[in-house]
Amino acid sequence: SRAGNLTRHKRTHSERPYACDVTGSEYMAHTANHLRKYMRAHSGEQPYACDESDCEYRSARANTLKQHKRTHSGERPFPCD
């Protein structure tokens, strides 16, 4: 709902109710999903794998895998000035 979206957005500016429970970490997230993604830094989980043959690249984040795949395709979506 729109009201729920606004509440969620407002939380990004103030509340951070989801805390990392790893000793020594002070990370606080505003959504459970952000905390779950962050926890991959501690666990080493890398669920995103390159599907090119002979490429063993893996990543904890989908957007990093997308950037990596451009090394195979040669795609350069951002022009250089």
N, C-alpha and C. Protein backbone atom coordinates (compact mmCIF):
# COMPACT_ATOMS: atom_id res chain seq x y z
N SER A 1 0.84 -1.19 0.00
CA SER A 1 0.00 0.00 0.00
C SER A 1 0.88 1.24 0.00
N ARG A 2 0.31 2.33 -0.42
CA ARG A 2 1.08 3.59 -0.45
C ARG A 2 1.49 4.03 0.94
N ALA A 3 0.59 3.83 1.91
CA ALA A 3 0.91 4.20 3.29
C ALA A 3 2.07 3.35 3.81
N GLY A 4 2.06 2.06 3.48
CA GLY A 4 3.15 1.17 3.89
C GLY A 4 4.47 1.56 3.25
N ASN A 5 4.41 1.97 1.98
CA ASN A 5 5.62 2.40 1.28
C ASN A 5 6.20 3.65 1.93
N LEU A 6 5.34 4.59 2.31
CA LEU A 6 5.82 5.81 2.96
C LEU A 6 6.43 5.49 4.32
N THR A 7 5.79 4.62 5.06
CA THR A 7 6.33 4.22 6.37
C THR A 7 7.70 3.58 6.20
N ARG A 8 7.83 2.69 5.23
CA ARG A 8 9.11 2.02 4.96
C ARG A 8 10.17 3.05 4.55
N HIS A 9 9.78 4.01 3.72
CA HIS A 9 10.73 5.03 3.29
C HIS A 9 11.18 5.90 4.46
N LYS A 10 10.25 6.31 5.30
CA LYS A 10 10.61 7.15 6.45
C LYS A 10 11.61 6.43 7.35
N ARG A 11 11.47 5.11 7.46
CA ARG A 11 12.38 4.33 8.30
C ARG A 11 13.82 4.45 7.82
N THR A 12 14.03 4.65 6.53
CA THR A 12 15.40 4.75 6.01
C THR A 12 16.12 5.97 6.57
N HIS A 13 15.36 6.97 7.03
CA HIS A 13 15.96 8.19 7.56
C HIS A 13 16.14 8.17 9.07
N SER A 14 15.50 7.24 9.75
CA SER A 14 15.57 7.27 11.21
C SER A 14 15.79 5.89 11.83
N GLU A 15 14.82 5.01 11.70
CA GLU A 15 14.89 3.72 12.38
C GLU A 15 15.83 2.75 11.67
N ARG A 16 16.54 2.01 12.45
CA ARG A 16 17.35 0.89 11.95
C ARG A 16 17.21 -0.25 12.95
N PRO A 17 16.06 -0.94 12.90
CA PRO A 17 15.75 -1.93 13.92
C PRO A 17 16.41 -3.29 13.74
N TYR A 18 17.09 -3.52 12.63
CA TYR A 18 17.67 -4.84 12.37
C TYR A 18 19.18 -4.77 12.58
N ALA A 19 19.66 -5.46 13.60
CA ALA A 19 21.06 -5.38 13.98
C ALA A 19 21.82 -6.65 13.60
N CYS A 20 23.05 -6.46 13.16
CA CYS A 20 23.95 -7.58 12.90
C CYS A 20 24.35 -8.16 14.25
N ASP A 21 24.27 -9.49 14.38
CA ASP A 21 24.59 -10.11 15.67
C ASP A 21 26.00 -10.69 15.73
N VAL A 22 26.83 -10.36 14.75
CA VAL A 22 28.21 -10.82 14.75
C VAL A 22 29.02 -9.95 15.72
N THR A 23 29.79 -10.58 16.58
CA THR A 23 30.58 -9.86 17.58
C THR A 23 31.49 -8.83 16.91
N GLY A 24 31.44 -7.61 17.40
CA GLY A 24 32.28 -6.54 16.89
C GLY A 24 31.63 -5.73 15.79
N SER A 25 30.54 -6.19 15.23
CA SER A 25 29.86 -5.45 14.16
C SER A 25 28.83 -4.51 14.75
N GLU A 26 28.80 -3.31 14.24
CA GLU A 26 27.82 -2.33 14.71
C GLU A 26 26.79 -2.02 13.63
N TYR A 27 26.74 -2.85 12.57
CA TYR A 27 25.83 -2.60 11.44
C TYR A 27 24.38 -2.70 11.88
N MET A 28 23.60 -1.72 11.46
CA MET A 28 22.15 -1.70 11.70
C MET A 28 21.48 -1.43 10.36
N ALA A 29 20.44 -2.18 10.06
CA ALA A 29 19.74 -2.04 8.79
C ALA A 29 18.31 -1.59 9.02
N HIS A 30 17.75 -0.93 8.01
CA HIS A 30 16.37 -0.49 8.15
C HIS A 30 15.37 -1.52 7.61
N THR A 31 15.84 -2.56 6.93
CA THR A 31 14.94 -3.66 6.52
C THR A 31 15.64 -4.99 6.79
N ALA A 32 14.82 -6.00 7.00
CA ALA A 32 15.37 -7.35 7.21
C ALA A 32 16.10 -7.82 5.96
N ASN A 33 15.61 -7.43 4.79
CA ASN A 33 16.25 -7.81 3.53
C ASN A 33 17.66 -7.22 3.42
N HIS A 34 17.84 -5.97 3.81
CA HIS A 34 19.17 -5.35 3.77
C HIS A 34 20.12 -6.07 4.73
N LEU A 35 19.61 -6.44 5.91
CA LEU A 35 20.46 -7.16 6.86
C LEU A 35 20.85 -8.52 6.29
N ARG A 36 19.91 -9.22 5.65
CA ARG A 36 20.19 -10.53 5.06
C ARG A 36 21.30 -10.41 4.01
N LYS A 37 21.21 -9.40 3.16
CA LYS A 37 22.25 -9.19 2.13
C LYS A 37 23.59 -8.86 2.78
N TYR A 38 23.57 -8.02 3.81
CA TYR A 38 24.80 -7.65 4.50
C TYR A 38 25.47 -8.85 5.14
N MET A 39 24.67 -9.76 5.70
CA MET A 39 25.22 -10.92 6.40
C MET A 39 26.06 -11.81 5.49
N ARG A 40 25.87 -11.70 4.18
CA ARG A 40 26.70 -12.46 3.25
C ARG A 40 28.17 -12.06 3.37
N ALA A 41 28.44 -10.85 3.80
CA ALA A 41 29.82 -10.41 3.99
C ALA A 41 30.49 -11.24 5.08
N HIS A 42 29.74 -11.64 6.10
CA HIS A 42 30.29 -12.46 7.17
C HIS A 42 30.33 -13.94 6.81
N SER A 43 29.30 -14.40 6.11
CA SER A 43 29.18 -15.84 5.84
C SER A 43 30.00 -16.29 4.64
N GLY A 44 30.29 -15.35 3.74
CA GLY A 44 30.99 -15.72 2.52
C GLY A 44 30.08 -16.30 1.45
N GLU A 45 28.78 -16.32 1.71
CA GLU A 45 27.82 -16.84 0.74
C GLU A 45 27.88 -16.03 -0.55
N GLN A 46 27.95 -16.71 -1.67
CA GLN A 46 27.99 -16.07 -2.98
C GLN A 46 27.02 -16.79 -3.92
N PRO A 47 25.73 -16.49 -3.81
CA PRO A 47 24.72 -17.24 -4.55
C PRO A 47 24.62 -16.90 -6.04
N TYR A 48 25.28 -15.85 -6.48
CA TYR A 48 25.17 -15.43 -7.88
C TYR A 48 26.42 -15.86 -8.65
N ALA A 49 26.22 -16.76 -9.63
CA ALA A 49 27.35 -17.33 -10.38
C ALA A 49 27.27 -16.93 -11.84
N CYS A 50 28.42 -16.69 -12.44
CA CYS A 50 28.51 -16.40 -13.86
C CYS A 50 28.18 -17.67 -14.63
N ASP A 51 27.38 -17.53 -15.69
CA ASP A 51 26.97 -18.70 -16.46
C ASP A 51 27.80 -18.91 -17.73
N GLU A 52 28.86 -18.13 -17.89
CA GLU A 52 29.76 -18.33 -19.03
C GLU A 52 30.61 -19.58 -18.79
N SER A 53 30.83 -20.35 -19.86
CA SER A 53 31.65 -21.54 -19.71
C SER A 53 33.07 -21.15 -19.31
N ASP A 54 33.69 -21.94 -18.48
CA ASP A 54 35.06 -21.73 -18.00
C ASP A 54 35.22 -20.48 -17.12
N CYS A 55 34.13 -19.90 -16.65
CA CYS A 55 34.24 -18.75 -15.75
C CYS A 55 33.73 -19.18 -14.38
N GLU A 56 34.54 -18.99 -13.37
CA GLU A 56 34.20 -19.42 -12.02
C GLU A 56 33.78 -18.25 -11.13
N TYR A 57 33.53 -17.08 -11.71
CA TYR A 57 33.17 -15.90 -10.92
C TYR A 57 31.87 -16.13 -10.16
N ARG A 58 31.88 -15.74 -8.89
CA ARG A 58 30.68 -15.78 -8.04
C ARG A 58 30.63 -14.47 -7.26
N SER A 59 29.42 -14.09 -6.87
CA SER A 59 29.25 -12.84 -6.17
C SER A 59 28.17 -12.95 -5.10
N ALA A 60 28.28 -12.11 -4.10
CA ALA A 60 27.26 -12.04 -3.05
C ALA A 60 26.10 -11.15 -3.47
N ARG A 61 26.30 -10.36 -4.53
CA ARG A 61 25.29 -9.40 -4.95
C ARG A 61 24.97 -9.55 -6.43
N ALA A 62 23.70 -9.47 -6.77
CA ALA A 62 23.27 -9.62 -8.17
C ALA A 62 23.81 -8.50 -9.05
N ASN A 63 23.86 -7.27 -8.53
CA ASN A 63 24.34 -6.16 -9.36
C ASN A 63 25.83 -6.29 -9.68
N THR A 64 26.60 -6.88 -8.79
CA THR A 64 28.03 -7.09 -9.06
C THR A 64 28.20 -8.15 -10.14
N LEU A 65 27.38 -9.18 -10.12
CA LEU A 65 27.42 -10.19 -11.18
C LEU A 65 27.06 -9.56 -12.52
N LYS A 66 26.06 -8.71 -12.52
CA LYS A 66 25.67 -8.03 -13.77
C LYS A 66 26.84 -7.22 -14.34
N GLN A 67 27.56 -6.51 -13.48
CA GLN A 67 28.73 -5.75 -13.93
C GLN A 67 29.79 -6.70 -14.48
N HIS A 68 30.01 -7.82 -13.80
CA HIS A 68 31.01 -8.79 -14.25
C HIS A 68 30.67 -9.34 -15.63
N LYS A 69 29.41 -9.64 -15.87
CA LYS A 69 29.01 -10.23 -17.15
C LYS A 69 29.35 -9.31 -18.32
N ARG A 70 29.44 -8.03 -18.08
CA ARG A 70 29.82 -7.09 -19.14
C ARG A 70 31.26 -7.32 -19.60
N THR A 71 32.09 -7.94 -18.77
CA THR A 71 33.46 -8.22 -19.20
C THR A 71 33.46 -9.28 -20.30
N HIS A 72 32.45 -10.13 -20.32
CA HIS A 72 32.34 -11.15 -21.37
C HIS A 72 31.68 -10.60 -22.63
N SER A 73 30.68 -9.73 -22.44
CA SER A 73 29.92 -9.26 -23.59
C SER A 73 30.53 -8.03 -24.24
N GLY A 74 31.37 -7.31 -23.49
CA GLY A 74 31.95 -6.09 -24.02
C GLY A 74 30.99 -4.90 -23.91
N GLU A 75 29.83 -5.12 -23.30
CA GLU A 75 28.85 -4.05 -23.16
C GLU A 75 29.45 -2.92 -22.31
N ARG A 76 29.27 -1.70 -22.79
CA ARG A 76 29.74 -0.51 -22.05
C ARG A 76 28.61 0.50 -22.05
N PRO A 77 27.69 0.34 -21.08
CA PRO A 77 26.46 1.15 -21.10
C PRO A 77 26.66 2.62 -20.72
N PHE A 78 27.82 2.95 -20.18
CA PHE A 78 28.04 4.33 -19.75
C PHE A 78 29.16 4.94 -20.60
N PRO A 79 28.83 5.95 -21.40
CA PRO A 79 29.84 6.52 -22.29
C PRO A 79 30.92 7.30 -21.53
N CYS A 80 32.11 7.25 -22.07
CA CYS A 80 33.23 8.01 -21.51
C CYS A 80 33.22 9.40 -22.16
N ASP A 81 33.47 10.42 -21.37
CA ASP A 81 33.47 11.78 -21.92
C ASP A 81 34.70 12.05 -22.74
